[in-house]
Amino acid sequence: MNIVGYTCAEFGVPLIMTLTEYDDNSKMQQKPQNQLTVGHALRDTIWQGLEQGRLTCGMFECAKHLEINPHNIMLCVLPEDMVGDVSVHIHHTLIEAFCMENNIRLVRVDSEDKLASVVKCRPGQKMNDNDVAGGRVTYSDAGCVIVDYPEEDLSPAEVMVTTFCKSVAGKGYGPASLVTIPA
C-alpha cells in the first residue's frame, strides 16, 4: 500500500491519501476506506464551486469553457464511461487529452448519477436563481464538471483534492485516479 501523508501548514489540516497499487494480476486496486476521504473533499469542492458560481457542467459547456479559459480551471471531473457508449468515450478521451496538454487536474469519479446529485445542490439547501451563474450550470448533464479557481485562497477541501491530483500524476498512475463519491 502506498500512503501519502501531507499536512497543509496554511490550514493545519492533515491530508491522508491512499494511492492505487498493483496486485499480482497487475490490475489497479482501490482502497475505498481512504478514497472516501478524498471523495468527501471532492464533493465539498464541487459544492463550494456551485455556491460561488465557479462550476460548469455538461459535455458541451465544459468543452467551450476549456477552449475559452483553460488557465482559470482548477479541476476537471469526469465520471467513469458508460459501458457501450462510444460517443461518451470519445468525448471523455478528447477532454482528458486537452486537460493533460494544458496541465489541468483531472479526476475520474465512480458514478455519473452520484456526480449529478452532488452538482444539484448541497443537502438542506434550496436552489435559487443565483445558483445558475450566467447560465453556465446545466444540472441535467454531469458528463463533465469543471471547477474554476476561487478568487480567494483554496479551501482545505480544495487543497486536499489538488494535492491528491498532484501526487497521483507524480507517481505515474496516469492522468486521473478513480475517486469514490460518498453517497
C-alpha atoms as a PDB file:
ATOM      1  CA  MET A   1       0.000   0.000   0.000  1.00  0.00           C
ATOM      2  CA  ASN A   2       1.308   3.440  -0.875  1.00  0.00           C
ATOM      3  CA  ILE A   3       0.063   6.033   1.621  1.00  0.00           C
ATOM      4  CA  VAL A   4       0.903   9.658   1.073  1.00  0.00           C
ATOM      5  CA  GLY A   5       0.512  11.977   4.041  1.00  0.00           C
ATOM      6  CA  TYR A   6       0.697  15.746   3.910  1.00  0.00           C
ATOM      7  CA  THR A   7      -0.019  18.484   6.366  1.00  0.00           C
ATOM      8  CA  CYS A   8      -1.281  21.703   4.944  1.00  0.00           C
ATOM      9  CA  ALA A   9       0.542  24.258   7.096  1.00  0.00           C
ATOM     10  CA  GLU A  10      -1.695  27.087   5.972  1.00  0.00           C
ATOM     11  CA  PHE A  11      -4.827  25.379   7.259  1.00  0.00           C
ATOM     12  CA  GLY A  12      -3.315  22.919   9.774  1.00  0.00           C
ATOM     13  CA  VAL A  13      -5.262  20.087   8.168  1.00  0.00           C
ATOM     14  CA  PRO A  14      -3.697  16.625   7.874  1.00  0.00           C
ATOM     15  CA  LEU A  15      -4.131  15.197   4.412  1.00  0.00           C
ATOM     16  CA  ILE A  16      -4.025  11.421   4.173  1.00  0.00           C
ATOM     17  CA  MET A  17      -4.483   9.797   0.820  1.00  0.00           C
ATOM     18  CA  THR A  18      -4.020   6.279  -0.450  1.00  0.00           C
ATOM     19  CA  LEU A  19      -2.864   5.802  -3.990  1.00  0.00           C
ATOM     20  CA  THR A  20      -3.747   2.787  -6.053  1.00  0.00           C
ATOM     21  CA  GLU A  21      -1.425  -0.181  -6.146  1.00  0.00           C
ATOM     22  CA  TYR A  22      -0.975  -3.160  -8.426  1.00  0.00           C
ATOM     23  CA  ASP A  23      -1.836  -6.689  -7.316  1.00  0.00           C
ATOM     24  CA  ASP A  24      -0.446  -9.930  -8.740  1.00  0.00           C
ATOM     25  CA  ASN A  25      -2.662  -9.608 -11.805  1.00  0.00           C
ATOM     26  CA  SER A  26      -1.442  -6.030 -12.436  1.00  0.00           C
ATOM     27  CA  LYS A  27      -4.959  -4.666 -12.031  1.00  0.00           C
ATOM     28  CA  MET A  28      -5.483  -1.371 -10.278  1.00  0.00           C
ATOM     29  CA  GLN A  29      -6.837  -1.870  -6.774  1.00  0.00           C
ATOM     30  CA  GLN A  30      -8.682   0.922  -4.996  1.00  0.00           C
ATOM     31  CA  LYS A  31      -8.583   1.472  -1.249  1.00  0.00           C
ATOM     32  CA  PRO A  32     -12.172   2.579  -0.537  1.00  0.00           C
ATOM     33  CA  GLN A  33     -11.738   3.437   3.138  1.00  0.00           C
ATOM     34  CA  ASN A  34      -9.144   6.121   2.327  1.00  0.00           C
ATOM     35  CA  GLN A  35     -10.569   7.128  -1.027  1.00  0.00           C
ATOM     36  CA  LEU A  36     -13.707   8.250   0.811  1.00  0.00           C
ATOM     37  CA  THR A  37     -11.644  10.984   2.434  1.00  0.00           C
ATOM     38  CA  VAL A  38     -10.681  12.323  -0.986  1.00  0.00           C
ATOM     39  CA  GLY A  39     -14.257  11.686  -2.158  1.00  0.00           C
ATOM     40  CA  HIS A  40     -15.649  13.866   0.646  1.00  0.00           C
ATOM     41  CA  ALA A  41     -13.137  16.601  -0.204  1.00  0.00           C
ATOM     42  CA  LEU A  42     -14.069  16.391  -3.894  1.00  0.00           C
ATOM     43  CA  ARG A  43     -17.776  16.615  -3.032  1.00  0.00           C
ATOM     44  CA  ASP A  44     -17.119  19.681  -0.846  1.00  0.00           C
ATOM     45  CA  THR A  45     -15.002  21.257  -3.595  1.00  0.00           C
ATOM     46  CA  ILE A  46     -17.842  20.836  -6.089  1.00  0.00           C
ATOM     47  CA  TRP A  47     -20.357  22.288  -3.616  1.00  0.00           C
ATOM     48  CA  GLN A  48     -18.099  25.281  -2.967  1.00  0.00           C
ATOM     49  CA  GLY A  49     -17.736  25.838  -6.708  1.00  0.00           C
ATOM     50  CA  LEU A  50     -21.501  25.649  -7.100  1.00  0.00           C
ATOM     51  CA  GLU A  51     -22.149  28.110  -4.264  1.00  0.00           C
ATOM     52  CA  GLN A  52     -19.543  30.563  -5.596  1.00  0.00           C
ATOM     53  CA  GLY A  53     -20.573  30.360  -9.265  1.00  0.00           C
ATOM     54  CA  ARG A  54     -17.349  28.595 -10.338  1.00  0.00           C
ATOM     55  CA  LEU A  55     -18.919  25.430 -11.702  1.00  0.00           C
ATOM     56  CA  THR A  56     -19.525  24.408 -15.310  1.00  0.00           C
ATOM     57  CA  CYS A  57     -21.462  21.220 -16.086  1.00  0.00           C
ATOM     58  CA  GLY A  58     -22.202  19.327 -19.257  1.00  0.00           C
ATOM     59  CA  MET A  59     -20.006  17.972 -22.004  1.00  0.00           C
ATOM     60  CA  PHE A  60     -20.654  20.789 -24.487  1.00  0.00           C
ATOM     61  CA  GLU A  61     -20.497  23.614 -21.907  1.00  0.00           C
ATOM     62  CA  CYS A  62     -17.267  22.244 -20.435  1.00  0.00           C
ATOM     63  CA  ALA A  63     -15.663  21.884 -23.871  1.00  0.00           C
ATOM     64  CA  LYS A  64     -16.478  25.550 -24.619  1.00  0.00           C
ATOM     65  CA  HIS A  65     -15.124  26.614 -21.217  1.00  0.00           C
ATOM     66  CA  LEU A  66     -11.923  24.590 -21.719  1.00  0.00           C
ATOM     67  CA  GLU A  67     -11.339  26.269 -25.066  1.00  0.00           C
ATOM     68  CA  ILE A  68     -12.030  29.819 -23.849  1.00  0.00           C
ATOM     69  CA  ASN A  69     -10.342  29.873 -20.448  1.00  0.00           C
ATOM     70  CA  PRO A  70      -8.134  26.827 -19.679  1.00  0.00           C
ATOM     71  CA  HIS A  71      -5.829  28.768 -17.325  1.00  0.00           C
ATOM     72  CA  ASN A  72      -8.596  29.508 -14.807  1.00  0.00           C
ATOM     73  CA  ILE A  73      -9.654  25.864 -14.404  1.00  0.00           C
ATOM     74  CA  MET A  74      -8.704  24.247 -11.107  1.00  0.00           C
ATOM     75  CA  LEU A  75     -10.199  20.815 -11.728  1.00  0.00           C
ATOM     76  CA  CYS A  76     -11.981  18.735 -14.340  1.00  0.00           C
ATOM     77  CA  VAL A  77     -14.174  15.856 -13.124  1.00  0.00           C
ATOM     78  CA  LEU A  78     -15.240  13.040 -15.420  1.00  0.00           C
ATOM     79  CA  PRO A  79     -17.450  10.097 -14.452  1.00  0.00           C
ATOM     80  CA  GLU A  80     -16.462   6.606 -15.496  1.00  0.00           C
ATOM     81  CA  ASP A  81     -17.505   5.959 -19.088  1.00  0.00           C
ATOM     82  CA  MET A  82     -20.863   4.379 -19.635  1.00  0.00           C
ATOM     83  CA  VAL A  83     -20.368   0.864 -20.975  1.00  0.00           C
ATOM     84  CA  GLY A  84     -21.050   0.675 -24.673  1.00  0.00           C
ATOM     85  CA  ASP A  85     -21.485   4.415 -25.278  1.00  0.00           C
ATOM     86  CA  VAL A  86     -18.809   5.148 -27.853  1.00  0.00           C
ATOM     87  CA  SER A  87     -19.613   8.855 -28.236  1.00  0.00           C
ATOM     88  CA  VAL A  88     -19.214   9.492 -24.488  1.00  0.00           C
ATOM     89  CA  HIS A  89     -15.923   7.589 -24.525  1.00  0.00           C
ATOM     90  CA  ILE A  90     -14.643   9.712 -27.429  1.00  0.00           C
ATOM     91  CA  HIS A  91     -15.687  12.970 -25.706  1.00  0.00           C
ATOM     92  CA  HIS A  92     -14.018  11.895 -22.451  1.00  0.00           C
ATOM     93  CA  THR A  93     -10.837  10.909 -24.309  1.00  0.00           C
ATOM     94  CA  LEU A  94     -10.658  14.303 -26.035  1.00  0.00           C
ATOM     95  CA  ILE A  95     -11.301  16.219 -22.799  1.00  0.00           C
ATOM     96  CA  GLU A  96      -8.722  14.097 -20.967  1.00  0.00           C
ATOM     97  CA  ALA A  97      -6.131  14.803 -23.690  1.00  0.00           C
ATOM     98  CA  PHE A  98      -6.870  18.534 -23.583  1.00  0.00           C
ATOM     99  CA  CYS A  99      -6.522  18.559 -19.790  1.00  0.00           C
ATOM    100  CA  MET A 100      -3.182  16.739 -19.977  1.00  0.00           C
ATOM    101  CA  GLU A 101      -1.898  19.116 -22.657  1.00  0.00           C
ATOM    102  CA  ASN A 102      -2.893  22.185 -20.620  1.00  0.00           C
ATOM    103  CA  ASN A 103      -1.853  20.845 -17.169  1.00  0.00           C
ATOM    104  CA  ILE A 104      -5.422  20.817 -15.856  1.00  0.00           C
ATOM    105  CA  ARG A 105      -6.039  18.488 -12.914  1.00  0.00           C
ATOM    106  CA  LEU A 106      -8.307  15.612 -13.856  1.00  0.00           C
ATOM    107  CA  VAL A 107     -10.285  13.322 -11.564  1.00  0.00           C
ATOM    108  CA  ARG A 108     -12.468  10.390 -12.545  1.00  0.00           C
ATOM    109  CA  VAL A 109     -15.401   9.516 -10.295  1.00  0.00           C
ATOM    110  CA  ASP A 110     -17.202   6.231  -9.869  1.00  0.00           C
ATOM    111  CA  SER A 111     -20.696   7.276 -10.931  1.00  0.00           C
ATOM    112  CA  GLU A 112     -22.329   9.876 -13.148  1.00  0.00           C
ATOM    113  CA  ASP A 113     -25.507   9.578 -11.067  1.00  0.00           C
ATOM    114  CA  LYS A 114     -23.646  10.392  -7.841  1.00  0.00           C
ATOM    115  CA  LEU A 115     -21.881  13.287  -9.564  1.00  0.00           C
ATOM    116  CA  ALA A 116     -25.226  14.612 -10.834  1.00  0.00           C
ATOM    117  CA  SER A 117     -26.714  14.513  -7.332  1.00  0.00           C
ATOM    118  CA  VAL A 118     -23.697  16.383  -5.907  1.00  0.00           C
ATOM    119  CA  VAL A 119     -23.938  19.038  -8.616  1.00  0.00           C
ATOM    120  CA  LYS A 120     -27.620  19.711  -7.936  1.00  0.00           C
ATOM    121  CA  CYS A 121     -27.100  21.269  -4.502  1.00  0.00           C
ATOM    122  CA  ARG A 122     -25.798  20.725  -1.009  1.00  0.00           C
ATOM    123  CA  PRO A 123     -28.297  18.767   1.136  1.00  0.00           C
ATOM    124  CA  GLY A 124     -30.534  21.026   3.197  1.00  0.00           C
ATOM    125  CA  GLN A 125     -30.093  23.982   0.860  1.00  0.00           C
ATOM    126  CA  LYS A 126     -32.624  25.265  -1.596  1.00  0.00           C
ATOM    127  CA  MET A 127     -31.545  26.240  -5.094  1.00  0.00           C
ATOM    128  CA  ASN A 128     -32.209  29.797  -6.191  1.00  0.00           C
ATOM    129  CA  ASP A 129     -31.676  31.855  -9.341  1.00  0.00           C
ATOM    130  CA  ASN A 130     -28.117  32.727  -8.273  1.00  0.00           C
ATOM    131  CA  ASP A 131     -27.096  29.048  -8.367  1.00  0.00           C
ATOM    132  CA  VAL A 132     -27.035  29.161 -12.149  1.00  0.00           C
ATOM    133  CA  ALA A 133     -24.172  31.590 -12.695  1.00  0.00           C
ATOM    134  CA  GLY A 134     -24.517  33.195 -16.101  1.00  0.00           C
ATOM    135  CA  GLY A 135     -26.274  30.115 -17.470  1.00  0.00           C
ATOM    136  CA  ARG A 136     -23.081  28.055 -17.160  1.00  0.00           C
ATOM    137  CA  VAL A 137     -24.582  25.312 -14.982  1.00  0.00           C
ATOM    138  CA  THR A 138     -26.852  22.712 -16.539  1.00  0.00           C
ATOM    139  CA  TYR A 139     -27.987  20.296 -13.859  1.00  0.00           C
ATOM    140  CA  SER A 140     -29.219  17.656 -16.281  1.00  0.00           C
ATOM    141  CA  ASP A 141     -25.744  16.779 -17.636  1.00  0.00           C
ATOM    142  CA  ALA A 142     -22.988  15.546 -15.322  1.00  0.00           C
ATOM    143  CA  GLY A 143     -20.959  14.009 -18.151  1.00  0.00           C
ATOM    144  CA  CYS A 144     -18.222  16.509 -17.306  1.00  0.00           C
ATOM    145  CA  VAL A 145     -17.845  19.015 -14.454  1.00  0.00           C
ATOM    146  CA  ILE A 146     -15.301  21.836 -14.278  1.00  0.00           C
ATOM    147  CA  VAL A 147     -14.439  23.810 -11.156  1.00  0.00           C
ATOM    148  CA  ASP A 148     -12.651  27.139 -11.663  1.00  0.00           C
ATOM    149  CA  TYR A 149     -10.099  28.545  -9.235  1.00  0.00           C
ATOM    150  CA  PRO A 150     -11.606  30.631  -6.418  1.00  0.00           C
ATOM    151  CA  GLU A 151     -10.936  34.356  -6.244  1.00  0.00           C
ATOM    152  CA  GLU A 152      -9.515  33.892  -2.732  1.00  0.00           C
ATOM    153  CA  ASP A 153      -7.296  31.166  -1.266  1.00  0.00           C
ATOM    154  CA  LEU A 154      -8.111  27.499  -1.701  1.00  0.00           C
ATOM    155  CA  SER A 155     -10.249  25.877   0.999  1.00  0.00           C
ATOM    156  CA  PRO A 156      -8.896  22.850   2.928  1.00  0.00           C
ATOM    157  CA  ALA A 157     -11.036  20.536   0.754  1.00  0.00           C
ATOM    158  CA  GLU A 158      -9.674  22.134  -2.431  1.00  0.00           C
ATOM    159  CA  VAL A 159      -6.112  21.810  -1.116  1.00  0.00           C
ATOM    160  CA  MET A 160      -6.695  18.119  -0.431  1.00  0.00           C
ATOM    161  CA  VAL A 161      -8.105  17.450  -3.897  1.00  0.00           C
ATOM    162  CA  THR A 162      -5.356  19.366  -5.719  1.00  0.00           C
ATOM    163  CA  THR A 163      -2.662  17.668  -3.601  1.00  0.00           C
ATOM    164  CA  PHE A 164      -4.208  14.278  -4.369  1.00  0.00           C
ATOM    165  CA  CYS A 165      -4.181  15.034  -8.107  1.00  0.00           C
ATOM    166  CA  LYS A 166      -0.564  16.154  -7.949  1.00  0.00           C
ATOM    167  CA  SER A 167       0.538  13.044  -6.056  1.00  0.00           C
ATOM    168  CA  VAL A 168      -1.299  10.702  -8.438  1.00  0.00           C
ATOM    169  CA  ALA A 169       0.218  12.382 -11.505  1.00  0.00           C
ATOM    170  CA  GLY A 170       3.685  12.372  -9.904  1.00  0.00           C
ATOM    171  CA  LYS A 171       3.568   8.621  -9.209  1.00  0.00           C
ATOM    172  CA  GLY A 172       2.882   7.685 -12.834  1.00  0.00           C
ATOM    173  CA  TYR A 173      -0.594   6.222 -12.267  1.00  0.00           C
ATOM    174  CA  GLY A 174      -1.903   8.059 -15.301  1.00  0.00           C
ATOM    175  CA  PRO A 175      -3.641  11.397 -15.621  1.00  0.00           C
ATOM    176  CA  ALA A 176      -6.513  10.543 -13.295  1.00  0.00           C
ATOM    177  CA  SER A 177      -7.353   8.238 -10.450  1.00  0.00           C
ATOM    178  CA  LEU A 178     -10.788   6.889  -9.688  1.00  0.00           C
ATOM    179  CA  VAL A 179     -12.365   8.588  -6.680  1.00  0.00           C
ATOM    180  CA  THR A 180     -15.478   7.258  -4.970  1.00  0.00           C
ATOM    181  CA  ILE A 181     -18.042   9.961  -4.267  1.00  0.00           C
ATOM    182  CA  PRO A 182     -19.762   9.283  -0.941  1.00  0.00           C
ATOM    183  CA  ALA A 183     -23.475   8.570  -1.147  1.00  0.00           C
END
